[in-house]
């Protein structure tokens, strides 16, 4: 075997060993997300697994979907019957099933300056496809932190977080500043960069301002949700439950960017709060958007958690009676990046009207000095979107317990102390 110049046999052997080891790791796939769908049978249910695998040549990850049928055995165990092969989802950024499981949203983020593509799939075919240009918004956030994609209960609208449209850039020619738009191909013309804008850095290089949008999947019309302060970067939106005739609300997390943006995903010590805002309303017959508040003008987002310095990952109970959220207030108050968390509950509106002054109940408080052998405190980085057991008040939360990752069963109706009031 010919050896490269300056490389002895021992180094060649080490490179070959490392290369083979890398190939073995490359063949290991990861389960990124898993969902269980309702079934007509009480003895089985359907599962869908989102799987990814490294693609070393293109420096990307391949994404697959693998389906299975889950059977309940007589001895209380379960049996998985897997599909023969996974199906690759080329160019797919994220997939989100509707609440009933009858529809599937597939989002394909743009390449270069192309449009975002929203596909609505049924069980047998693609029903609709919408192309949303860069003038409406940029890429949809699918990162797991700012990410928020939520169907409404009627499965007619989807709320999501996407990059705010880029501001217009000034154009120039040999005579200086030029009014009006021009083509990039025009000879002797060039575009300036415009005012410098801070981005969120780290895994968000080039991401300036996540904003909230709603798309009507019947008409394909997209609305930017009005009434949110421009100083807020928003994320983690969920569609609040509503009763017939009551107003519909969106609940989201807002981070103030009045100081500096650099650093987000690994900085849980940034102050943030839960906000609620009235959702755009569409007439079910014409699908035409109406004013957010036709009697009092534009509605404004309400801060629901003013008495606490951090509120993340809002999750509604299955019956819609209360809203549970995670807090990293101990990190915010101390400056530590990953201090112990706490879990809280808000009793949701009963009369169809939201109020700014709500009571916050502590479900799991901050544990500063745990006793030996006792619960060490809550240490988690997310709350899964569907973490409820069938009783409707028990959540399953992943947390770190000493040196192990464990699953915690939490009764959210049990409060550790009296409610705090934001009034």
Protein backbone atom coordinates (compact mmCIF):
# COMPACT_ATOMS: atom_id res chain seq x y z
CA UNK A 1 0.00 0.00 0.00
CA UNK A 2 1.34 3.40 -0.96
CA UNK A 3 1.61 5.79 1.96
CA UNK A 4 1.23 9.53 1.72
CA UNK A 5 4.37 11.62 2.09
CA UNK A 6 5.30 12.21 5.72
CA UNK A 7 2.79 9.66 7.09
CA UNK A 8 4.04 6.42 8.67
CA UNK A 9 2.17 3.13 8.93
CA UNK A 10 1.08 3.74 12.53
CA UNK A 11 -0.64 7.02 11.64
CA UNK A 12 -2.27 5.39 8.59
CA UNK A 13 -3.61 2.63 10.83
CA UNK A 14 -4.96 5.13 13.34
CA UNK A 15 -6.73 7.11 10.59
CA UNK A 16 -8.30 3.93 9.25
CA UNK A 17 -9.49 2.95 12.72
CA UNK A 18 -10.99 6.39 13.39
CA UNK A 19 -12.67 6.39 9.97
CA UNK A 20 -14.27 3.00 10.60
CA UNK A 21 -15.42 4.16 14.01
CA UNK A 22 -16.97 7.27 12.47
CA UNK A 23 -18.83 5.12 9.94
CA UNK A 24 -20.27 3.02 12.76
CA UNK A 25 -21.49 6.12 14.58
CA UNK A 26 -22.94 7.46 11.32
CA UNK A 27 -25.16 4.41 11.04
CA UNK A 28 -26.80 5.10 14.41
CA UNK A 29 -30.09 6.93 13.96
CA UNK A 30 -31.83 9.11 16.55
CA UNK A 31 -35.52 9.31 17.39
CA UNK A 32 -36.18 13.06 17.40
CA UNK A 33 -39.93 13.01 18.00
CA UNK A 34 -42.66 10.43 18.47
CA UNK A 35 -46.44 10.76 18.37
CA UNK A 36 -49.31 8.44 19.20
CA UNK A 37 -52.57 8.76 17.26
CA UNK A 38 -56.05 7.81 18.37
CA UNK A 39 -57.37 4.53 17.01
CA UNK A 40 -60.83 3.04 16.56
CA UNK A 41 -59.63 -0.06 18.38
CA UNK A 42 -59.17 -0.13 22.14
CA UNK A 43 -56.45 -2.77 21.77
CA UNK A 44 -54.13 -0.86 19.45
CA UNK A 45 -53.00 2.60 18.43
CA UNK A 46 -50.88 4.13 15.68
CA UNK A 47 -47.44 5.62 16.22
CA UNK A 48 -45.29 7.88 14.06
CA UNK A 49 -41.58 8.34 14.72
CA UNK A 50 -39.42 11.13 13.30
CA UNK A 51 -35.91 9.76 12.89
CA UNK A 52 -32.67 11.42 11.79
CA UNK A 53 -29.29 10.06 10.75
CA UNK A 54 -26.00 11.84 9.95
CA UNK A 55 -25.16 12.48 6.31
CA UNK A 56 -21.40 13.04 6.41
CA UNK A 57 -20.96 13.82 2.73
CA UNK A 58 -23.39 16.77 2.76
CA UNK A 59 -22.77 17.70 6.41
CA UNK A 60 -26.50 17.41 7.14
CA UNK A 61 -28.92 15.00 8.75
CA UNK A 62 -31.27 12.75 6.83
CA UNK A 63 -34.83 12.79 8.16
CA UNK A 64 -37.19 9.82 8.05
CA UNK A 65 -40.68 8.89 9.16
CA UNK A 66 -41.30 5.40 10.49
CA UNK A 67 -44.83 4.23 11.34
CA UNK A 68 -45.92 1.42 13.61
CA UNK A 69 -48.98 -0.18 15.19
CA UNK A 70 -48.83 -0.51 18.97
CA UNK A 71 -50.76 -3.46 20.41
CA UNK A 72 -51.77 -3.80 24.03
CA UNK A 73 -50.95 -7.28 25.34
CA UNK A 74 -52.98 -9.16 27.95
CA UNK A 75 -50.13 -8.89 30.48
CA UNK A 76 -50.23 -5.06 30.32
CA UNK A 77 -47.18 -4.94 28.05
CA UNK A 78 -47.11 -3.50 24.54
CA UNK A 79 -45.97 -4.90 21.21
CA UNK A 80 -44.71 -2.82 18.28
CA UNK A 81 -45.42 -3.86 14.70
CA UNK A 82 -43.15 -1.70 12.56
CA UNK A 83 -43.52 -0.69 8.93
CA UNK A 84 -41.02 -2.54 6.72
CA UNK A 85 -38.97 0.57 5.90
CA UNK A 86 -38.79 4.24 6.90
CA UNK A 87 -39.68 6.97 4.39
CA UNK A 88 -37.18 9.79 3.85
CA UNK A 89 -38.53 13.34 4.16
CA UNK A 90 -36.21 15.24 1.86
CA UNK A 91 -36.14 19.00 2.40
CA UNK A 92 -38.66 18.84 5.26
CA UNK A 93 -38.09 21.19 8.20
CA UNK A 94 -40.86 19.95 10.49
CA UNK A 95 -44.09 17.93 10.50
CA UNK A 96 -46.99 18.63 12.87
CA UNK A 97 -50.18 16.49 13.01
CA UNK A 98 -53.53 18.19 13.66
CA UNK A 99 -55.28 17.58 17.02
CA UNK A 100 -57.53 14.87 15.57
CA UNK A 101 -54.67 13.26 13.65
CA UNK A 102 -56.63 13.50 10.38
CA UNK A 103 -54.29 16.13 8.86
CA UNK A 104 -50.55 16.60 8.74
CA UNK A 105 -48.71 19.88 8.27
CA UNK A 106 -45.38 19.60 6.43
CA UNK A 107 -43.19 22.72 6.41
CA UNK A 108 -40.34 23.15 3.93
CA UNK A 109 -38.22 26.19 4.68
CA UNK A 110 -36.87 28.21 1.74
CA UNK A 111 -33.55 27.73 0.07
CA UNK A 112 -31.81 31.03 -0.64
CA UNK A 113 -34.56 33.58 -1.43
CA UNK A 114 -37.31 31.09 -2.25
CA UNK A 115 -40.72 30.88 -0.54
CA UNK A 116 -41.64 28.81 2.50
CA UNK A 117 -43.86 25.88 1.56
CA UNK A 118 -46.75 24.66 3.67
CA UNK A 119 -48.28 21.30 2.71
CA UNK A 120 -51.50 19.92 4.20
CA UNK A 121 -51.69 16.14 3.93
CA UNK A 122 -54.58 13.75 4.60
CA UNK A 123 -54.23 10.01 5.11
CA UNK A 124 -53.98 9.32 1.37
CA UNK A 125 -52.83 12.45 -0.47
CA UNK A 126 -51.66 16.06 -0.24
CA UNK A 127 -54.76 18.26 0.00
CA UNK A 128 -53.21 21.71 -0.37
CA UNK A 129 -49.89 23.45 -0.83
CA UNK A 130 -49.14 27.11 -0.09
CA UNK A 131 -46.04 29.08 -1.07
CA UNK A 132 -45.34 32.01 1.26
CA UNK A 133 -42.94 34.58 -0.17
CA UNK A 134 -40.08 36.25 1.67
CA UNK A 135 -42.04 39.50 1.61
CA UNK A 136 -44.51 37.93 4.07
CA UNK A 137 -41.96 36.25 6.33
CA UNK A 138 -38.69 34.34 6.29
CA UNK A 139 -37.95 30.83 7.51
CA UNK A 140 -40.25 29.14 10.01
CA UNK A 141 -38.56 28.49 13.36
CA UNK A 142 -38.27 24.74 13.94
CA UNK A 143 -35.40 24.68 16.42
CA UNK A 144 -37.14 23.51 19.61
CA UNK A 145 -36.71 26.82 21.47
CA UNK A 146 -38.37 29.67 19.58
CA UNK A 147 -40.26 26.96 17.70
CA UNK A 148 -44.02 27.06 18.05
CA UNK A 149 -46.54 25.59 15.61
CA UNK A 150 -50.09 25.11 16.86
CA UNK A 151 -53.35 24.06 15.19
CA UNK A 152 -56.59 25.55 16.39
CA UNK A 153 -59.22 23.11 17.64
CA UNK A 154 -61.32 23.44 14.48
CA UNK A 155 -58.24 22.60 12.37
CA UNK A 156 -58.82 25.59 10.08
CA UNK A 157 -55.92 27.79 11.21
CA UNK A 158 -52.32 27.28 12.28
CA UNK A 159 -50.31 29.69 14.42
CA UNK A 160 -46.53 29.61 14.03
CA UNK A 161 -43.29 31.50 14.57
CA UNK A 162 -41.28 32.73 11.58
CA UNK A 163 -38.58 35.27 10.84
CA UNK A 164 -39.94 38.78 10.37
CA UNK A 165 -39.50 40.09 6.78
CA UNK A 166 -36.15 41.71 6.14
CA UNK A 167 -36.30 45.52 6.03
CA UNK A 168 -35.88 47.21 2.65
CA UNK A 169 -32.30 47.99 1.78
CA UNK A 170 -31.28 51.36 0.32
CA UNK A 171 -30.24 51.39 -3.34
CA UNK A 172 -27.49 53.42 -4.95
CA UNK A 173 -26.01 54.19 -8.37
CA UNK A 174 -23.18 56.39 -9.61
CA UNK A 175 -25.21 59.50 -8.69
CA UNK A 176 -25.67 58.40 -5.07
CA UNK A 177 -28.87 57.36 -3.34
CA UNK A 178 -31.58 56.18 -5.72
CA UNK A 179 -35.27 56.35 -4.92
CA UNK A 180 -37.48 53.41 -5.76
CA UNK A 181 -36.76 49.73 -6.27
CA UNK A 182 -34.46 48.33 -8.92
CA UNK A 183 -33.31 44.95 -10.10
CA UNK A 184 -30.07 43.50 -8.74
CA UNK A 185 -29.12 42.93 -12.39
CA UNK A 186 -29.35 46.62 -13.29
CA UNK A 187 -25.96 47.80 -14.50
CA UNK A 188 -24.26 50.37 -12.29
CA UNK A 189 -26.60 49.88 -9.34
CA UNK A 190 -26.02 48.27 -5.97
CA UNK A 191 -27.85 47.79 -2.71
CA UNK A 192 -26.57 48.84 0.68
CA UNK A 193 -26.88 46.74 3.80
CA UNK A 194 -29.12 49.22 5.60
CA UNK A 195 -29.04 49.77 9.34
CA UNK A 196 -27.12 47.15 11.30
CA UNK A 197 -29.39 44.86 13.29
CA UNK A 198 -28.38 42.58 16.11
CA UNK A 199 -29.13 38.86 15.71
CA UNK A 200 -29.54 36.11 18.30
CA UNK A 201 -26.16 34.49 17.60
CA UNK A 202 -25.08 30.95 18.56
CA UNK A 203 -27.42 28.63 16.60
CA UNK A 204 -29.39 31.69 15.40
CA UNK A 205 -26.77 33.48 13.33
CA UNK A 206 -28.61 35.81 10.95
CA UNK A 207 -31.91 35.44 12.84
CA UNK A 208 -33.06 38.90 13.85
CA UNK A 209 -36.68 38.87 14.95
CA UNK A 210 -39.01 35.89 15.37
CA UNK A 211 -42.62 37.00 14.93
CA UNK A 212 -46.08 35.44 15.20
CA UNK A 213 -48.19 34.52 12.16
CA UNK A 214 -51.46 32.69 11.48
CA UNK A 215 -52.34 30.88 8.24
CA UNK A 216 -55.85 29.89 7.23
CA UNK A 217 -55.49 26.48 5.57
CA UNK A 218 -58.72 26.89 3.59
CA UNK A 219 -57.69 30.10 1.83
CA UNK A 220 -53.93 30.08 2.33
CA UNK A 221 -54.04 33.66 3.62
CA UNK A 222 -51.33 34.55 6.14
CA UNK A 223 -51.69 37.25 8.78
CA UNK A 224 -49.00 38.70 11.01
CA UNK A 225 -50.54 38.96 14.48
CA UNK A 226 -50.80 42.62 15.44
CA UNK A 227 -50.55 44.14 18.90
CA UNK A 228 -47.20 42.62 19.95
CA UNK A 229 -44.55 45.09 21.05
CA UNK A 230 -41.64 45.31 18.59
CA UNK A 231 -39.17 44.91 21.46
CA UNK A 232 -40.35 41.32 22.00
CA UNK A 233 -38.92 38.28 20.28
CA UNK A 234 -41.69 35.70 20.45
CA UNK A 235 -41.79 31.91 20.46
CA UNK A 236 -43.43 28.73 21.75
CA UNK A 237 -46.95 29.75 20.70
CA UNK A 238 -49.93 27.56 21.60
CA UNK A 239 -53.56 28.00 20.61
CA UNK A 240 -55.66 28.44 23.72
CA UNK A 241 -58.80 26.29 24.01
CA UNK A 242 -62.13 28.05 23.54
CA UNK A 243 -65.79 27.30 23.94
CA UNK A 244 -68.41 28.00 21.31
CA UNK A 245 -69.04 31.72 20.98
CA UNK A 246 -66.02 32.74 23.08
CA UNK A 247 -63.02 34.64 21.80
CA UNK A 248 -59.94 32.72 20.68
CA UNK A 249 -56.54 33.53 22.15
CA UNK A 250 -52.93 32.72 21.38
CA UNK A 251 -50.50 32.25 24.27
CA UNK A 252 -46.79 32.71 23.61
CA UNK A 253 -43.46 33.43 25.29
CA UNK A 254 -41.87 36.84 24.81
CA UNK A 255 -38.21 37.75 25.37
CA UNK A 256 -37.33 41.42 25.53
CA UNK A 257 -34.51 42.46 23.22
CA UNK A 258 -34.16 45.98 24.58
CA UNK A 259 -30.61 45.25 25.80
CA UNK A 260 -28.76 42.74 23.61
CA UNK A 261 -29.76 39.62 21.74
CA UNK A 262 -26.56 37.56 21.50
CA UNK A 263 -27.20 34.20 23.13
CA UNK A 264 -30.58 32.50 23.58
CA UNK A 265 -30.76 28.73 23.29
CA UNK A 266 -28.29 28.06 26.11
CA UNK A 267 -29.18 31.13 28.17
CA UNK A 268 -32.16 30.19 30.31
CA UNK A 269 -31.26 33.11 32.58
CA UNK A 270 -32.88 35.57 30.18
CA UNK A 271 -36.08 37.17 31.54
CA UNK A 272 -39.23 36.15 29.67
CA UNK A 273 -42.96 36.09 30.22
CA UNK A 274 -46.17 34.52 28.98
CA UNK A 275 -48.40 36.74 26.86
CA UNK A 276 -51.93 36.27 25.57
CA UNK A 277 -53.41 37.98 22.54
CA UNK A 278 -56.66 37.65 20.67
CA UNK A 279 -56.27 35.48 17.57
CA UNK A 280 -57.22 36.77 14.12
CA UNK A 281 -60.78 35.72 13.37
CA UNK A 282 -61.96 34.35 10.07
CA UNK A 283 -65.58 34.18 8.98
CA UNK A 284 -66.20 30.42 8.48
CA UNK A 285 -68.19 31.11 5.28
CA UNK A 286 -65.96 33.61 3.49
CA UNK A 287 -62.68 33.01 5.34
CA UNK A 288 -62.14 36.75 5.34
CA UNK A 289 -60.14 38.14 8.27
CA UNK A 290 -61.93 40.54 10.59
CA UNK A 291 -60.42 43.13 12.89
CA UNK A 292 -58.76 41.75 15.99
CA UNK A 293 -60.99 44.01 18.06
CA UNK A 294 -63.51 45.91 15.99
CA UNK A 295 -64.88 47.94 18.90
CA UNK A 296 -61.77 49.09 20.72
CA UNK A 297 -59.23 49.18 17.92
CA UNK A 298 -56.13 47.04 17.85
CA UNK A 299 -55.83 44.72 20.82
CA UNK A 300 -52.58 44.46 22.73
CA UNK A 301 -50.75 41.42 24.06
CA UNK A 302 -51.28 40.99 27.81
CA UNK A 303 -48.45 39.92 30.13
CA UNK A 304 -49.87 37.06 32.22
CA UNK A 305 -46.83 36.52 34.45
CA UNK A 306 -45.70 39.91 35.71
CA UNK A 307 -44.92 38.63 39.22
CA UNK A 308 -42.38 36.07 38.02
CA UNK A 309 -39.22 36.77 36.03
CA UNK A 310 -39.37 33.72 33.76
CA UNK A 311 -42.17 31.73 32.10
CA UNK A 312 -41.57 29.10 29.41
CA UNK A 313 -43.26 26.26 27.53
CA UNK A 314 -46.98 26.99 28.08
CA UNK A 315 -49.13 23.83 28.04
CA UNK A 316 -52.91 23.66 28.36
CA UNK A 317 -54.64 20.79 30.13
CA UNK A 318 -56.75 18.50 27.90
CA UNK A 319 -59.98 20.03 29.23
CA UNK A 320 -58.61 23.58 28.79
CA UNK A 321 -59.26 24.55 32.40
CA UNK A 322 -55.71 25.48 33.32
CA UNK A 323 -52.41 26.53 31.83
CA UNK A 324 -49.15 25.01 33.10
CA UNK A 325 -45.72 26.50 32.45
CA UNK A 326 -42.07 26.08 33.41
CA UNK A 327 -40.06 28.85 35.05
CA UNK A 328 -36.31 29.47 35.17
CA UNK A 329 -36.70 32.40 37.56
CA UNK A 330 -33.91 31.10 39.82
CA UNK A 331 -31.55 31.35 36.82
CA UNK A 332 -32.80 34.82 35.91
CA UNK A 333 -32.56 36.11 39.47
CA UNK A 334 -29.10 34.65 40.13
CA UNK A 335 -27.56 34.87 36.64
CA UNK A 336 -26.72 31.13 36.64
CA UNK A 337 -27.39 29.57 33.24
CA UNK A 338 -29.02 26.33 34.40
CA UNK A 339 -30.27 26.58 37.96
CA UNK A 340 -33.19 24.59 39.35
CA UNK A 341 -36.57 25.21 37.69
CA UNK A 342 -40.09 25.52 39.05
CA UNK A 343 -43.51 24.56 37.67
CA UNK A 344 -46.63 26.72 37.87
CA UNK A 345 -50.32 26.78 36.98
CA UNK A 346 -52.80 29.43 35.91
CA UNK A 347 -56.53 28.70 36.01
CA UNK A 348 -57.67 29.63 32.53
CA UNK A 349 -60.54 31.97 31.77
CA UNK A 350 -64.07 30.64 32.34
CA UNK A 351 -66.13 33.47 30.85
CA UNK A 352 -64.32 33.78 27.53
CA UNK A 353 -62.45 36.92 28.64
CA UNK A 354 -58.79 37.11 29.56
CA UNK A 355 -57.58 39.35 32.39
CA UNK A 356 -54.09 40.68 32.93
CA UNK A 357 -54.18 40.08 36.68
CA UNK A 358 -54.23 36.33 37.15
CA UNK A 359 -53.21 34.12 40.05
CA UNK A 360 -50.19 31.89 39.64
CA UNK A 361 -50.12 28.65 41.63
CA UNK A 362 -46.80 27.00 42.48
CA UNK A 363 -46.91 23.28 41.63
CA UNK A 364 -43.21 22.51 42.10
CA UNK A 365 -41.29 25.29 43.86
CA UNK A 366 -37.59 26.04 43.59
CA UNK A 367 -35.54 23.61 45.67
CA UNK A 368 -32.40 25.34 46.89
CA UNK A 369 -30.95 22.79 49.33
CA UNK A 370 -32.40 19.31 48.92
CA UNK A 371 -32.18 16.85 51.80
CA UNK A 372 -30.39 13.55 51.25
CA UNK A 373 -32.57 11.04 49.44
CA UNK A 374 -35.29 13.61 48.71
CA UNK A 375 -36.44 15.28 45.52
CA UNK A 376 -33.46 17.42 44.36
CA UNK A 377 -35.51 19.95 42.43
CA UNK A 378 -36.74 20.27 38.86
CA UNK A 379 -34.05 20.37 36.17
CA UNK A 380 -35.54 20.19 32.68
CA UNK A 381 -35.07 22.02 29.40
CA UNK A 382 -38.55 21.58 27.92
CA UNK A 383 -42.06 20.25 28.49
CA UNK A 384 -43.29 17.98 25.75
CA UNK A 385 -46.27 19.23 23.76
CA UNK A 386 -48.48 16.28 24.75
CA UNK A 387 -47.34 15.18 28.18
CA UNK A 388 -50.72 14.49 29.82
CA UNK A 389 -52.01 11.19 31.12
CA UNK A 390 -55.62 10.12 30.53
CA UNK A 391 -56.83 11.57 33.87
CA UNK A 392 -56.26 15.07 32.47
CA UNK A 393 -54.30 16.45 35.44
CA UNK A 394 -51.12 14.36 35.57
CA UNK A 395 -48.10 15.41 33.52
CA UNK A 396 -45.03 13.36 32.67
CA UNK A 397 -41.93 15.56 32.74
CA UNK A 398 -38.32 14.64 32.01
CA UNK A 399 -35.84 15.92 34.60
CA UNK A 400 -32.33 15.35 35.89
CA UNK A 401 -32.13 13.57 39.26
CA UNK A 402 -28.51 13.73 40.47
CA UNK A 403 -26.60 12.12 37.57
CA UNK A 404 -29.56 10.43 35.85
CA UNK A 405 -32.36 11.54 33.57
CA UNK A 406 -35.72 10.42 34.95
CA UNK A 407 -39.43 10.77 34.25
CA UNK A 408 -41.51 12.56 36.87
CA UNK A 409 -45.25 12.13 37.37
CA UNK A 410 -46.70 15.47 38.49
CA UNK A 411 -50.23 16.17 39.72
CA UNK A 412 -50.71 19.76 38.55
CA UNK A 413 -53.77 20.31 40.77
CA UNK A 414 -51.67 20.03 43.91
CA UNK A 415 -50.20 23.42 44.78
CA UNK A 416 -47.28 23.64 47.16
CA UNK A 417 -48.29 27.03 48.51
CA UNK A 418 -50.93 29.73 48.29
CA UNK A 419 -51.45 31.36 44.90
CA UNK A 420 -49.50 34.48 44.10
CA UNK A 421 -51.37 37.37 42.54
CA UNK A 422 -50.19 39.67 39.79
CA UNK A 423 -52.56 42.39 40.95
